C-alpha atoms as a PDB file:
ATOM      1  CA  MET A   1      93.033 124.271 179.074  1.00  0.00           C
ATOM      2  CA  LEU A   2      95.186 126.437 177.159  1.00  0.00           C
ATOM      3  CA  SER A   3      98.185 127.311 179.505  1.00  0.00           C
ATOM      4  CA  GLU A   4      99.052 123.406 179.810  1.00  0.00           C
ATOM      5  CA  ARG A   5      98.302 123.328 175.631  1.00  0.00           C
ATOM      6  CA  ILE A   6     102.235 124.321 175.064  1.00  0.00           C
ATOM      7  CA  SER A   7     103.749 121.973 177.244  1.00  0.00           C
ATOM      8  CA  SER A   8     106.317 120.300 175.395  1.00  0.00           C
ATOM      9  CA  VAL A   9     108.952 121.991 172.370  1.00  0.00           C
ATOM     10  CA  ILE A  10     110.662 119.832 170.141  1.00  0.00           C
ATOM     11  CA  ALA A  11     113.617 121.819 169.881  1.00  0.00           C
ATOM     12  CA  SER A  12     115.676 121.946 166.694  1.00  0.00           C
ATOM     13  CA  GLY A  13     119.113 123.664 166.095  1.00  0.00           C
ATOM     14  CA  THR A  14     121.195 124.460 163.299  1.00  0.00           C
ATOM     15  CA  GLU A  15     124.171 122.516 162.525  1.00  0.00           C
ATOM     16  CA  GLN A  16     126.950 123.420 160.003  1.00  0.00           C
ATOM     17  CA  ARG A  17     128.100 121.735 157.647  1.00  0.00           C
ATOM     18  CA  CYS A  18     130.935 122.026 154.802  1.00  0.00           C
ATOM     19  CA  PHE A  19     130.961 119.998 152.040  1.00  0.00           C
ATOM     20  CA  THR A  20     134.158 121.032 149.575  1.00  0.00           C
ATOM     21  CA  VAL A  21     133.288 119.976 145.722  1.00  0.00           C
ATOM     22  CA  PRO A  22     136.521 120.074 144.380  1.00  0.00           C
ATOM     23  CA  GLY A  23     137.464 123.855 144.201  1.00  0.00           C
ATOM     24  CA  LEU A  24     134.733 124.828 146.033  1.00  0.00           C
ATOM     25  CA  LYS A  25     132.873 125.070 149.258  1.00  0.00           C
ATOM     26  CA  LEU A  26     129.298 124.444 150.246  1.00  0.00           C
ATOM     27  CA  TRP A  27     127.624 125.363 153.928  1.00  0.00           C
ATOM     28  CA  SER A  28     124.341 123.477 154.130  1.00  0.00           C
ATOM     29  CA  VAL A  29     121.642 123.413 157.285  1.00  0.00           C
ATOM     30  CA  CYS A  30     120.768 120.062 157.719  1.00  0.00           C
ATOM     31  CA  CYS A  31     119.058 119.797 161.030  1.00  0.00           C
ATOM     32  CA  LEU A  32     115.689 119.309 161.934  1.00  0.00           C
ATOM     33  CA  GLY A  33     113.936 122.756 162.861  1.00  0.00           C
ATOM     34  CA  ALA A  34     116.235 124.497 160.808  1.00  0.00           C
ATOM     35  CA  LEU A  35     115.788 122.669 157.692  1.00  0.00           C
ATOM     36  CA  ILE A  36     111.767 123.165 158.232  1.00  0.00           C
ATOM     37  CA  LEU A  37     110.343 125.889 159.789  1.00  0.00           C
ATOM     38  CA  CYS A  38     111.150 127.131 163.270  1.00  0.00           C
ATOM     39  CA  ALA A  39     113.530 127.201 166.013  1.00  0.00           C
ATOM     40  CA  ALA A  40     111.112 125.642 168.477  1.00  0.00           C
ATOM     41  CA  VAL A  41     107.398 123.780 167.359  1.00  0.00           C
ATOM     42  CA  VAL A  42     105.569 124.040 170.331  1.00  0.00           C
ATOM     43  CA  VAL A  43     102.536 121.752 171.606  1.00  0.00           C
ATOM     44  CA  ARG A  44      99.812 122.848 173.249  1.00  0.00           C
ATOM     45  CA  ALA A  45      97.939 121.099 175.818  1.00  0.00           C
ATOM     46  CA  GLU A  46      94.436 121.644 177.213  1.00  0.00           C
ATOM     47  CA  GLY A  47      93.526 125.619 175.467  1.00  0.00           C
ATOM     48  CA  ARG A  48      94.384 124.607 171.969  1.00  0.00           C
ATOM     49  CA  LEU A  49      94.400 128.558 170.697  1.00  0.00           C
ATOM     50  CA  ARG A  50      96.535 129.491 173.689  1.00  0.00           C
ATOM     51  CA  ALA A  51      95.044 133.299 172.602  1.00  0.00           C
ATOM     52  CA  GLY A  52      97.674 135.805 173.813  1.00  0.00           C
ATOM     53  CA  ALA A  53     100.745 133.172 173.319  1.00  0.00           C
ATOM     54  CA  ALA A  54     103.540 133.864 170.778  1.00  0.00           C
ATOM     55  CA  GLY A  55     102.913 132.392 167.172  1.00  0.00           C
ATOM     56  CA  VAL A  56      98.968 131.698 168.055  1.00  0.00           C
ATOM     57  CA  MET A  57      98.253 135.053 166.868  1.00  0.00           C
ATOM     58  CA  GLY A  58      97.211 133.880 163.264  1.00  0.00           C
ATOM     59  CA  ARG A  59      94.169 131.786 164.844  1.00  0.00           C
ATOM     60  CA  GLN A  60      92.422 135.551 166.155  1.00  0.00           C
ATOM     61  CA  ALA A  61      90.643 137.750 163.872  1.00  0.00           C
ATOM     62  CA  GLY A  62      92.664 138.510 160.880  1.00  0.00           C
ATOM     63  CA  ALA A  63      93.223 142.030 159.570  1.00  0.00           C
ATOM     64  CA  GLY A  64      90.250 143.678 158.744  1.00  0.00           C
ATOM     65  CA  GLU A  65      88.071 141.296 160.659  1.00  0.00           C
ATOM     66  CA  THR A  66      86.070 141.928 164.097  1.00  0.00           C
ATOM     67  CA  ILE A  67      85.115 139.848 166.721  1.00  0.00           C
ATOM     68  CA  SER A  68      82.448 141.531 169.388  1.00  0.00           C
ATOM     69  CA  VAL A  69      81.739 139.516 172.453  1.00  0.00           C
ATOM     70  CA  HIS A  70      77.960 139.598 174.340  1.00  0.00           C
ATOM     71  CA  ALA A  71      78.867 137.955 177.822  1.00  0.00           C
ATOM     72  CA  PRO A  72      76.127 138.788 180.213  1.00  0.00           C
ATOM     73  CA  VAL A  73      76.632 137.695 184.031  1.00  0.00           C
ATOM     74  CA  PRO A  74      74.658 134.213 183.566  1.00  0.00           C
ATOM     75  CA  GLU A  75      71.924 133.805 186.402  1.00  0.00           C
ATOM     76  CA  GLN A  76      72.343 130.397 188.572  1.00  0.00           C
ATOM     77  CA  ARG A  77      70.286 127.630 187.177  1.00  0.00           C
ATOM     78  CA  PRO A  78      69.645 124.284 188.622  1.00  0.00           C
ATOM     79  CA  GLY A  79      71.492 121.337 187.236  1.00  0.00           C
ATOM     80  CA  PRO A  80      70.191 118.478 185.875  1.00  0.00           C
ATOM     81  CA  GLY A  81      68.636 115.602 188.238  1.00  0.00           C
ATOM     82  CA  ALA A  82      69.582 112.152 188.576  1.00  0.00           C
ATOM     83  CA  GLY A  83      70.005 111.084 185.099  1.00  0.00           C
ATOM     84  CA  GLN A  84      72.830 111.108 183.410  1.00  0.00           C
ATOM     85  CA  TYR A  85      75.413 108.031 183.379  1.00  0.00           C
ATOM     86  CA  GLN A  86      77.518 106.110 180.956  1.00  0.00           C
ATOM     87  CA  ARG A  87      78.190 102.261 180.519  1.00  0.00           C
ATOM     88  CA  ILE A  88      81.443 101.326 178.983  1.00  0.00           C
ATOM     89  CA  GLU A  89      81.596  97.336 178.725  1.00  0.00           C
ATOM     90  CA  GLU A  90      84.427  95.622 176.736  1.00  0.00           C
ATOM     91  CA  LYS A  91      83.745  92.014 175.770  1.00  0.00           C
ATOM     92  CA  ARG A  92      84.573  89.650 172.869  1.00  0.00           C
ATOM     93  CA  GLY A  93      86.913  92.248 170.966  1.00  0.00           C
ATOM     94  CA  GLU A  94      84.302  95.266 171.190  1.00  0.00           C
ATOM     95  CA  ILE A  95      83.554  98.241 173.565  1.00  0.00           C
ATOM     96  CA  CYS A  96      79.900  99.190 173.863  1.00  0.00           C
ATOM     97  CA  THR A  97      79.137 102.215 175.210  1.00  0.00           C
ATOM     98  CA  GLU A  98      75.953 103.971 176.212  1.00  0.00           C
ATOM     99  CA  TYR A  99      75.491 107.465 177.723  1.00  0.00           C
ATOM    100  CA  GLY A 100      72.471 109.125 178.909  1.00  0.00           C
ATOM    101  CA  CYS A 101      70.968 112.549 180.875  1.00  0.00           C
ATOM    102  CA  ARG A 102      68.308 114.387 181.045  1.00  0.00           C
ATOM    103  CA  ASN A 103      68.423 117.474 178.155  1.00  0.00           C
ATOM    104  CA  PHE A 104      67.300 120.828 178.528  1.00  0.00           C
ATOM    105  CA  ASN A 105      63.472 119.879 177.668  1.00  0.00           C
ATOM    106  CA  ASN A 106      63.919 117.438 180.723  1.00  0.00           C
ATOM    107  CA  ASP A 107      63.596 114.309 178.303  1.00  0.00           C
ATOM    108  CA  THR A 108      65.638 111.454 178.424  1.00  0.00           C
ATOM    109  CA  LEU A 109      68.511 111.118 176.079  1.00  0.00           C
ATOM    110  CA  ARG A 110      70.437 107.572 175.071  1.00  0.00           C
ATOM    111  CA  ALA A 111      73.160 107.294 172.489  1.00  0.00           C
ATOM    112  CA  GLY A 112      75.865 105.427 172.522  1.00  0.00           C
ATOM    113  CA  LEU A 113      78.096 103.173 170.092  1.00  0.00           C
ATOM    114  CA  THR A 114      80.171  99.811 169.772  1.00  0.00           C
ATOM    115  CA  ILE A 115      83.582  99.975 168.803  1.00  0.00           C
ATOM    116  CA  SER A 116      85.750  97.225 167.905  1.00  0.00           C
ATOM    117  CA  THR A 117      88.788  97.034 169.686  1.00  0.00           C
ATOM    118  CA  ARG A 118      90.702  96.084 166.657  1.00  0.00           C
ATOM    119  CA  GLU A 119      89.299  98.753 164.925  1.00  0.00           C
ATOM    120  CA  LEU A 120      89.939 101.476 167.808  1.00  0.00           C
ATOM    121  CA  THR A 121      93.766 100.417 167.544  1.00  0.00           C
ATOM    122  CA  ARG A 122      93.954 101.101 164.167  1.00  0.00           C
ATOM    123  CA  TYR A 123      92.228 104.284 164.223  1.00  0.00           C
ATOM    124  CA  LEU A 124      94.662 105.542 167.278  1.00  0.00           C
ATOM    125  CA  GLN A 125      97.481 104.753 164.749  1.00  0.00           C
ATOM    126  CA  GLY A 126      95.882 108.119 162.818  1.00  0.00           C
ATOM    127  CA  TYR A 127      96.406 111.028 165.649  1.00  0.00           C
ATOM    128  CA  GLY A 128      99.596 111.818 167.691  1.00  0.00           C
ATOM    129  CA  TYR A 129     103.230 110.980 166.953  1.00  0.00           C
ATOM    130  CA  LEU A 130     105.854 109.429 168.655  1.00  0.00           C
ATOM    131  CA  PRO A 131     109.399 111.164 168.730  1.00  0.00           C
ATOM    132  CA  SER A 132     111.064 108.220 166.850  1.00  0.00           C
ATOM    133  CA  GLU A 133     108.458 109.010 163.747  1.00  0.00           C
ATOM    134  CA  LEU A 134     109.901 112.621 163.539  1.00  0.00           C
ATOM    135  CA  GLU A 135     113.435 111.189 164.117  1.00  0.00           C
ATOM    136  CA  ALA A 136     112.915 108.802 160.765  1.00  0.00           C
ATOM    137  CA  LEU A 137     112.005 111.740 158.564  1.00  0.00           C
ATOM    138  CA  THR A 138     114.770 113.497 160.416  1.00  0.00           C
ATOM    139  CA  GLN A 139     117.228 111.054 159.043  1.00  0.00           C
ATOM    140  CA  TRP A 140     115.562 110.897 155.748  1.00  0.00           C
ATOM    141  CA  GLN A 141     116.432 113.990 155.058  1.00  0.00           C
ATOM    142  CA  LYS A 142     119.775 113.639 156.231  1.00  0.00           C
ATOM    143  CA  LYS A 143     120.377 110.764 153.886  1.00  0.00           C
ATOM    144  CA  ALA A 144     119.328 112.491 151.283  1.00  0.00           C
ATOM    145  CA  LEU A 145     121.605 115.517 151.608  1.00  0.00           C
ATOM    146  CA  ASP A 146     124.302 113.356 151.905  1.00  0.00           C
ATOM    147  CA  GLU A 147     123.698 111.359 148.553  1.00  0.00           C
ATOM    148  CA  ALA A 148     123.235 114.711 146.899  1.00  0.00           C
ATOM    149  CA  TYR A 149     126.670 115.743 148.285  1.00  0.00           C
ATOM    150  CA  ARG A 150     128.415 112.089 147.168  1.00  0.00           C
ATOM    151  CA  TYR A 151     126.891 112.370 144.111  1.00  0.00           C
ATOM    152  CA  ALA A 152     128.024 115.992 143.166  1.00  0.00           C
ATOM    153  CA  VAL A 153     131.361 115.140 144.121  1.00  0.00           C
ATOM    154  CA  GLN A 154     131.474 111.779 141.691  1.00  0.00           C
ATOM    155  CA  ASN A 155     129.632 113.938 138.660  1.00  0.00           C
ATOM    156  CA  ARG A 156     132.049 117.024 139.468  1.00  0.00           C
ATOM    157  CA  GLN A 157     128.647 119.137 139.816  1.00  0.00           C
ATOM    158  CA  SER A 158     129.395 122.614 140.294  1.00  0.00           C
ATOM    159  CA  GLN A 159     128.140 124.830 143.635  1.00  0.00           C
ATOM    160  CA  GLN A 160     125.368 126.019 142.245  1.00  0.00           C
ATOM    161  CA  ASP A 161     124.264 122.622 140.916  1.00  0.00           C
ATOM    162  CA  LEU A 162     124.486 121.035 144.810  1.00  0.00           C
ATOM    163  CA  ASN A 163     122.597 124.301 145.913  1.00  0.00           C
ATOM    164  CA  ARG A 164     119.484 123.504 143.676  1.00  0.00           C
ATOM    165  CA  ALA A 165     119.606 120.089 144.856  1.00  0.00           C
ATOM    166  CA  GLY A 166     120.168 120.338 148.516  1.00  0.00           C
ATOM    167  CA  ALA A 167     117.217 123.140 148.230  1.00  0.00           C
ATOM    168  CA  ALA A 168     114.629 120.341 146.488  1.00  0.00           C
ATOM    169  CA  ILE A 169     115.206 118.187 149.451  1.00  0.00           C
ATOM    170  CA  LYS A 170     114.760 120.726 152.175  1.00  0.00           C
ATOM    171  CA  ALA A 171     111.159 121.222 150.285  1.00  0.00           C
ATOM    172  CA  GLU A 172     110.230 117.961 149.889  1.00  0.00           C
ATOM    173  CA  TYR A 173     111.255 117.161 154.037  1.00  0.00           C
ATOM    174  CA  GLN A 174     109.322 120.059 154.808  1.00  0.00           C
ATOM    175  CA  ALA A 175     106.145 118.830 152.637  1.00  0.00           C
ATOM    176  CA  LYS A 176     107.010 115.312 154.459  1.00  0.00           C
ATOM    177  CA  TYR A 177     106.457 116.884 157.570  1.00  0.00           C
ATOM    178  CA  ARG A 178     103.529 118.963 157.513  1.00  0.00           C
ATOM    179  CA  ALA A 179     101.835 116.337 155.522  1.00  0.00           C
ATOM    180  CA  PHE A 180     102.895 113.548 158.574  1.00  0.00           C
ATOM    181  CA  LEU A 181     101.699 116.155 161.144  1.00  0.00           C
ATOM    182  CA  SER A 182      98.508 116.725 159.052  1.00  0.00           C
ATOM    183  CA  SER A 183      97.989 112.837 158.811  1.00  0.00           C
ATOM    184  CA  ARG A 184      97.923 113.019 162.728  1.00  0.00           C
ATOM    185  CA  GLY A 185      95.700 115.460 163.646  1.00  0.00           C
ATOM    186  CA  PHE A 186      98.201 118.805 164.190  1.00  0.00           C
ATOM    187  CA  ALA A 187      98.465 122.061 162.354  1.00  0.00           C
ATOM    188  CA  ILE A 188     101.150 124.398 162.123  1.00  0.00           C
ATOM    189  CA  LEU A 189     100.413 128.110 162.883  1.00  0.00           C
ATOM    190  CA  PRO A 190     101.639 131.166 162.391  1.00  0.00           C
ATOM    191  CA  GLY A 191     104.630 131.122 164.534  1.00  0.00           C
ATOM    192  CA  ASN A 192     105.769 127.565 164.132  1.00  0.00           C
ATOM    193  CA  THR A 193     103.144 126.793 166.915  1.00  0.00           C
ATOM    194  CA  LEU A 194     102.404 123.470 166.755  1.00  0.00           C
ATOM    195  CA  THR A 195      98.418 122.660 167.831  1.00  0.00           C
ATOM    196  CA  ALA A 196      96.354 119.932 167.772  1.00  0.00           C
ATOM    197  CA  ASP A 197      94.117 120.688 164.471  1.00  0.00           C
ATOM    198  CA  LEU A 198      90.506 120.412 166.616  1.00  0.00           C
ATOM    199  CA  PRO A 199      88.492 122.013 163.179  1.00  0.00           C
ATOM    200  CA  GLY A 200      90.370 119.058 161.291  1.00  0.00           C
ATOM    201  CA  ILE A 201      90.062 116.387 163.890  1.00  0.00           C
ATOM    202  CA  ALA A 202      86.267 117.219 164.436  1.00  0.00           C
ATOM    203  CA  ARG A 203      85.799 116.550 160.688  1.00  0.00           C
ATOM    204  CA  ARG A 204      87.336 113.433 160.456  1.00  0.00           C
ATOM    205  CA  ASN A 205      85.129 112.305 162.829  1.00  0.00           C
ATOM    206  CA  VAL A 206      81.794 112.781 161.584  1.00  0.00           C
ATOM    207  CA  ARG A 207      80.818 109.646 159.697  1.00  0.00           C
ATOM    208  CA  GLU A 208      82.275 108.034 162.988  1.00  0.00           C
ATOM    209  CA  LEU A 209      79.664 109.296 165.281  1.00  0.00           C
ATOM    210  CA  ARG A 210      76.975 109.220 163.018  1.00  0.00           C
ATOM    211  CA  PRO A 211      75.578 106.408 165.174  1.00  0.00           C
ATOM    212  CA  MET A 212      75.366 108.757 168.397  1.00  0.00           C
ATOM    213  CA  ALA A 213      73.930 111.512 165.607  1.00  0.00           C
ATOM    214  CA  GLN A 214      71.067 109.403 164.660  1.00  0.00           C
ATOM    215  CA  ALA A 215      69.911 108.361 167.790  1.00  0.00           C
ATOM    216  CA  LEU A 216      69.932 111.935 169.096  1.00  0.00           C
ATOM    217  CA  GLY A 217      67.842 112.495 165.658  1.00  0.00           C
ATOM    218  CA  SER A 218      65.500 110.111 166.097  1.00  0.00           C
ATOM    219  CA  ILE A 219      64.826 111.120 169.461  1.00  0.00           C
ATOM    220  CA  ALA A 220      64.549 114.874 168.394  1.00  0.00           C
ATOM    221  CA  GLU A 221      61.736 113.689 165.603  1.00  0.00           C
ATOM    222  CA  LYS A 222      59.821 111.670 168.426  1.00  0.00           C
ATOM    223  CA  ASN A 223      59.625 114.993 170.281  1.00  0.00           C
ATOM    224  CA  GLY A 224      59.282 117.143 167.390  1.00  0.00           C
ATOM    225  CA  TYR A 225      62.232 119.746 168.342  1.00  0.00           C
ATOM    226  CA  ASP A 226      63.142 122.257 167.016  1.00  0.00           C
ATOM    227  CA  SER A 227      67.317 122.720 165.062  1.00  0.00           C
ATOM    228  CA  SER A 228      68.213 124.569 168.626  1.00  0.00           C
ATOM    229  CA  GLU A 229      66.779 122.123 171.386  1.00  0.00           C
ATOM    230  CA  THR A 230      68.223 119.060 168.824  1.00  0.00           C
ATOM    231  CA  ILE A 231      71.898 120.872 169.475  1.00  0.00           C
ATOM    232  CA  GLY A 232      70.648 121.536 172.984  1.00  0.00           C
ATOM    233  CA  ALA A 233      70.154 117.946 173.159  1.00  0.00           C
ATOM    234  CA  ALA A 234      73.892 116.891 172.262  1.00  0.00           C
ATOM    235  CA  LEU A 235      75.098 119.555 174.325  1.00  0.00           C
ATOM    236  CA  SER A 236      74.080 118.506 177.365  1.00  0.00           C
ATOM    237  CA  LEU A 237      74.665 114.529 176.607  1.00  0.00           C
ATOM    238  CA  VAL A 238      78.599 116.053 176.548  1.00  0.00           C
ATOM    239  CA  GLN A 239      78.186 118.130 179.214  1.00  0.00           C
ATOM    240  CA  THR A 240      76.937 115.647 181.695  1.00  0.00           C
ATOM    241  CA  ALA A 241      77.203 112.013 180.833  1.00  0.00           C
ATOM    242  CA  PHE A 242      80.993 112.291 179.499  1.00  0.00           C
ATOM    243  CA  ARG A 243      83.234 112.794 182.687  1.00  0.00           C
ATOM    244  CA  TYR A 244      85.804 116.045 182.466  1.00  0.00           C
ATOM    245  CA  GLU A 245      89.223 114.743 182.783  1.00  0.00           C
ATOM    246  CA  THR A 246      92.483 116.467 181.778  1.00  0.00           C
ATOM    247  CA  VAL A 247      93.842 114.905 178.885  1.00  0.00           C
ATOM    248  CA  PRO A 248      97.827 113.794 179.333  1.00  0.00           C
ATOM    249  CA  MET A 249     100.369 115.365 176.695  1.00  0.00           C
ATOM    250  CA  VAL A 250     102.093 111.885 176.506  1.00  0.00           C
ATOM    251  CA  VAL A 251     100.395 108.950 176.685  1.00  0.00           C
ATOM    252  CA  ASN A 252     102.629 105.592 176.459  1.00  0.00           C
ATOM    253  CA  GLY A 253     105.314 107.661 174.970  1.00  0.00           C
ATOM    254  CA  ARG A 254     102.843 109.328 172.285  1.00  0.00           C
ATOM    255  CA  GLN A 255     102.444 113.015 171.982  1.00  0.00           C
ATOM    256  CA  THR A 256      98.806 113.339 171.893  1.00  0.00           C
ATOM    257  CA  GLY A 257      98.433 117.496 171.857  1.00  0.00           C
ATOM    258  CA  GLY A 258      96.399 117.109 174.628  1.00  0.00           C
ATOM    259  CA  ILE A 259      93.286 115.498 173.456  1.00  0.00           C
ATOM    260  CA  TYR A 260      91.696 112.369 172.933  1.00  0.00           C
ATOM    261  CA  PRO A 261      90.305 111.927 169.337  1.00  0.00           C
ATOM    262  CA  PRO A 262      86.038 111.767 169.319  1.00  0.00           C
ATOM    263  CA  LEU A 263      85.696 108.195 168.852  1.00  0.00           C
ATOM    264  CA  GLU A 264      88.212 107.571 171.769  1.00  0.00           C
ATOM    265  CA  THR A 265      86.493 110.164 173.886  1.00  0.00           C
ATOM    266  CA  VAL A 266      83.603 107.766 173.160  1.00  0.00           C
ATOM    267  CA  ALA A 267      85.808 104.927 174.104  1.00  0.00           C
ATOM    268  CA  LYS A 268      86.606 106.129 177.541  1.00  0.00           C
ATOM    269  CA  GLY A 269      84.037 108.284 178.459  1.00  0.00           C
ATOM    270  CA  LYS A 270      85.768 111.363 179.489  1.00  0.00           C
ATOM    271  CA  GLY A 271      87.587 114.444 178.066  1.00  0.00           C
ATOM    272  CA  ASP A 272      88.950 118.150 178.999  1.00  0.00           C
ATOM    273  CA  CYS A 273      87.155 120.790 177.098  1.00  0.00           C
ATOM    274  CA  ASP A 274      89.032 120.863 173.517  1.00  0.00           C
ATOM    275  CA  THR A 275      88.583 116.946 173.828  1.00  0.00           C
ATOM    276  CA  LYS A 276      84.782 117.357 174.521  1.00  0.00           C
ATOM    277  CA  SER A 277      84.412 120.382 171.723  1.00  0.00           C
ATOM    278  CA  ALA A 278      85.720 118.245 168.991  1.00  0.00           C
ATOM    279  CA  LEU A 279      83.244 115.709 170.560  1.00  0.00           C
ATOM    280  CA  LEU A 280      80.131 117.842 170.080  1.00  0.00           C
ATOM    281  CA  ALA A 281      81.327 119.389 166.725  1.00  0.00           C
ATOM    282  CA  ALA A 282      81.993 115.899 165.563  1.00  0.00           C
ATOM    283  CA  LEU A 283      78.214 115.027 166.292  1.00  0.00           C
ATOM    284  CA  LEU A 284      76.871 118.000 165.337  1.00  0.00           C
ATOM    285  CA  MET A 285      78.331 118.616 162.025  1.00  0.00           C
ATOM    286  CA  ASN A 286      76.101 115.360 160.827  1.00  0.00           C
ATOM    287  CA  TRP A 287      73.775 117.578 160.136  1.00  0.00           C
ATOM    288  CA  ASN A 288      74.654 120.011 157.277  1.00  0.00           C
ATOM    289  CA  LYS A 289      72.882 123.140 157.818  1.00  0.00           C
ATOM    290  CA  VAL A 290      75.230 123.358 161.662  1.00  0.00           C
ATOM    291  CA  LYS A 291      77.829 126.191 161.036  1.00  0.00           C
ATOM    292  CA  LEU A 292      80.143 126.180 163.717  1.00  0.00           C
ATOM    293  CA  VAL A 293      83.573 128.115 165.463  1.00  0.00           C
ATOM    294  CA  GLY A 294      85.763 127.250 168.132  1.00  0.00           C
ATOM    295  CA  ILE A 295      86.155 129.684 170.707  1.00  0.00           C
ATOM    296  CA  GLY A 296      89.918 129.936 172.381  1.00  0.00           C
ATOM    297  CA  VAL A 297      90.203 131.990 175.628  1.00  0.00           C
ATOM    298  CA  PRO A 298      92.868 131.822 177.990  1.00  0.00           C
ATOM    299  CA  ASP A 299      93.040 128.460 179.602  1.00  0.00           C
ATOM    300  CA  HIS A 300      89.578 127.405 177.869  1.00  0.00           C
ATOM    301  CA  TYR A 301      88.230 126.328 174.877  1.00  0.00           C
ATOM    302  CA  LEU A 302      84.157 126.729 174.102  1.00  0.00           C
ATOM    303  CA  MET A 303      81.990 126.565 170.914  1.00  0.00           C
ATOM    304  CA  GLY A 304      79.705 128.730 168.775  1.00  0.00           C
ATOM    305  CA  VAL A 305      76.926 127.714 166.770  1.00  0.00           C
ATOM    306  CA  LEU A 306      75.412 129.950 163.937  1.00  0.00           C
ATOM    307  CA  GLY A 307      71.749 131.185 164.978  1.00  0.00           C
ATOM    308  CA  ASN A 308      69.767 134.461 166.552  1.00  0.00           C
ATOM    309  CA  PRO A 309      70.974 134.763 169.854  1.00  0.00           C
ATOM    310  CA  GLY A 310      67.573 135.092 172.595  1.00  0.00           C
ATOM    311  CA  LYS A 311      67.944 137.846 175.170  1.00  0.00           C
ATOM    312  CA  GLY A 312      70.555 137.121 177.599  1.00  0.00           C
ATOM    313  CA  ASP A 313      72.305 134.970 175.388  1.00  0.00           C
ATOM    314  CA  ALA A 314      76.042 134.663 175.130  1.00  0.00           C
ATOM    315  CA  PHE A 315      77.344 135.058 171.882  1.00  0.00           C
ATOM    316  CA  VAL A 316      80.401 136.433 169.270  1.00  0.00           C
ATOM    317  CA  GLU A 317      80.019 138.001 166.375  1.00  0.00           C
ATOM    318  CA  TYR A 318      82.444 137.074 163.630  1.00  0.00           C
ATOM    319  CA  GLN A 319      83.336 138.142 159.993  1.00  0.00           C
ATOM    320  CA  GLY A 320      79.544 139.875 160.504  1.00  0.00           C
ATOM    321  CA  LEU A 321      77.755 136.705 161.798  1.00  0.00           C
ATOM    322  CA  ARG A 322      76.421 135.967 165.168  1.00  0.00           C
ATOM    323  CA  TYR A 323      77.457 132.498 167.094  1.00  0.00           C
ATOM    324  CA  VAL A 324      75.804 131.566 170.505  1.00  0.00           C
ATOM    325  CA  LEU A 325      78.030 130.592 172.700  1.00  0.00           C
ATOM    326  CA  MET A 326      77.972 126.876 174.163  1.00  0.00           C
ATOM    327  CA  GLU A 327      80.468 125.156 177.237  1.00  0.00           C
ATOM    328  CA  PRO A 328      81.018 121.022 176.025  1.00  0.00           C
ATOM    329  CA  SER A 329      83.362 120.959 178.990  1.00  0.00           C
ATOM    330  CA  GLY A 330      80.244 120.299 181.465  1.00  0.00           C
ATOM    331  CA  PRO A 331      79.991 118.981 183.784  1.00  0.00           C
ATOM    332  CA  ALA A 332      77.673 121.892 184.783  1.00  0.00           C
ATOM    333  CA  TRP A 333      74.179 121.461 182.389  1.00  0.00           C
ATOM    334  CA  LEU A 334      74.697 125.097 180.802  1.00  0.00           C
ATOM    335  CA  PRO A 335      71.987 125.201 177.451  1.00  0.00           C
ATOM    336  CA  PRO A 336      72.944 127.097 174.354  1.00  0.00           C
ATOM    337  CA  GLY A 337      73.742 130.666 174.930  1.00  0.00           C
ATOM    338  CA  MET A 338      74.938 130.187 178.674  1.00  0.00           C
ATOM    339  CA  VAL A 339      78.039 130.101 179.645  1.00  0.00           C
ATOM    340  CA  GLY A 340      79.955 129.714 183.374  1.00  0.00           C
ATOM    341  CA  PRO A 341      80.729 132.271 185.585  1.00  0.00           C
ATOM    342  CA  SER A 342      84.246 131.948 185.100  1.00  0.00           C
ATOM    343  CA  THR A 343      84.155 131.881 181.405  1.00  0.00           C
ATOM    344  CA  SER A 344      82.002 134.784 181.262  1.00  0.00           C
ATOM    345  CA  ALA A 345      84.525 136.893 183.248  1.00  0.00           C
ATOM    346  CA  LEU A 346      87.228 135.752 180.666  1.00  0.00           C
ATOM    347  CA  LEU A 347      85.328 136.981 177.923  1.00  0.00           C
ATOM    348  CA  ASN A 348      84.215 140.388 179.700  1.00  0.00           C
ATOM    349  CA  SER A 349      87.576 140.730 180.815  1.00  0.00           C
ATOM    350  CA  GLY A 350      89.331 141.910 177.079  1.00  0.00           C
ATOM    351  CA  ALA A 351      91.534 138.965 177.082  1.00  0.00           C
ATOM    352  CA  SER A 352      92.816 137.567 173.426  1.00  0.00           C
ATOM    353  CA  LEU A 353      89.662 135.983 171.867  1.00  0.00           C
ATOM    354  CA  ALA A 354      91.060 133.591 168.852  1.00  0.00           C
ATOM    355  CA  VAL A 355      88.264 131.995 166.511  1.00  0.00           C
ATOM    356  CA  GLU A 356      88.572 129.168 164.402  1.00  0.00           C
ATOM    357  CA  PRO A 357      85.977 127.789 161.973  1.00  0.00           C
ATOM    358  CA  PHE A 358      84.881 124.503 161.485  1.00  0.00           C
ATOM    359  CA  THR A 359      82.962 124.478 158.625  1.00  0.00           C
ATOM    360  CA  ASN A 360      82.317 126.733 155.662  1.00  0.00           C
END
């Protein structure tokens, strides 16, 4: 949910330091946030696009773009019968998982992964961050500025020389900061808002989830599914076989951004709307022709797939193209084009809507 996504603030201040080079005084800003991007960096919890929040508007349609929404009030539809299940067993250094459900064709689906616990530990080091890791970057910058000052004093450099050195250090710090966060699954939006990078996380996990996608593809081929039925198979599995559970913002001292990355989601068998959207996207992106966007509304996140909406289908029109809406969060059993009543009410309320492309 979107409102909890903005739940932790990395405060940064401005410290003025007066450096005296013979005959001149240099004021340098060298504390974390002022030297980088912001007075406050916000990490959103569950609604990665927190539509309408300060600093998040950059994820909405840009100038000249139009987003139109068509979300009819859904009819009641019976949920799936018995059939959804998950098996997660850890033994001999491996996590063996299997997930199953009935899809919208009423066929039985089964798919899973075997994950090395050692590889999972390594994988998780590439997501989220510890406060000490950001502090290490701050200390690097302070040390570099101090060394630049001492060098300027020893070599009787001018204030202009020292200013240039300080500016280069700050620019390098900003580059290191952005690269670090990007490597850990975060993006910095206009307005200096730090958010989990759902499209980037999904793209990084396409190969990781390929065995599950191939299992679904084999079922689709065996049953003669068309593309929409194949997409529906993946959607039904994510909706019903994976439990819904809010993701903590901090786990063992590590900032998560309010999301489990897809391989961890498979290992745990649970996640929230953001987490399950990233999982579904990573599965579907194994089919090159599938084009996806993420849709953020207040306190919720869902997906859209490029296609021709059927009669009564919910969809958004973005950059002249129609994307049929999908609700990965579950546990409701909702095929592509159908969203829950609360989501439909949000979409029709005129609430802020944010769209981010997952594919080109």
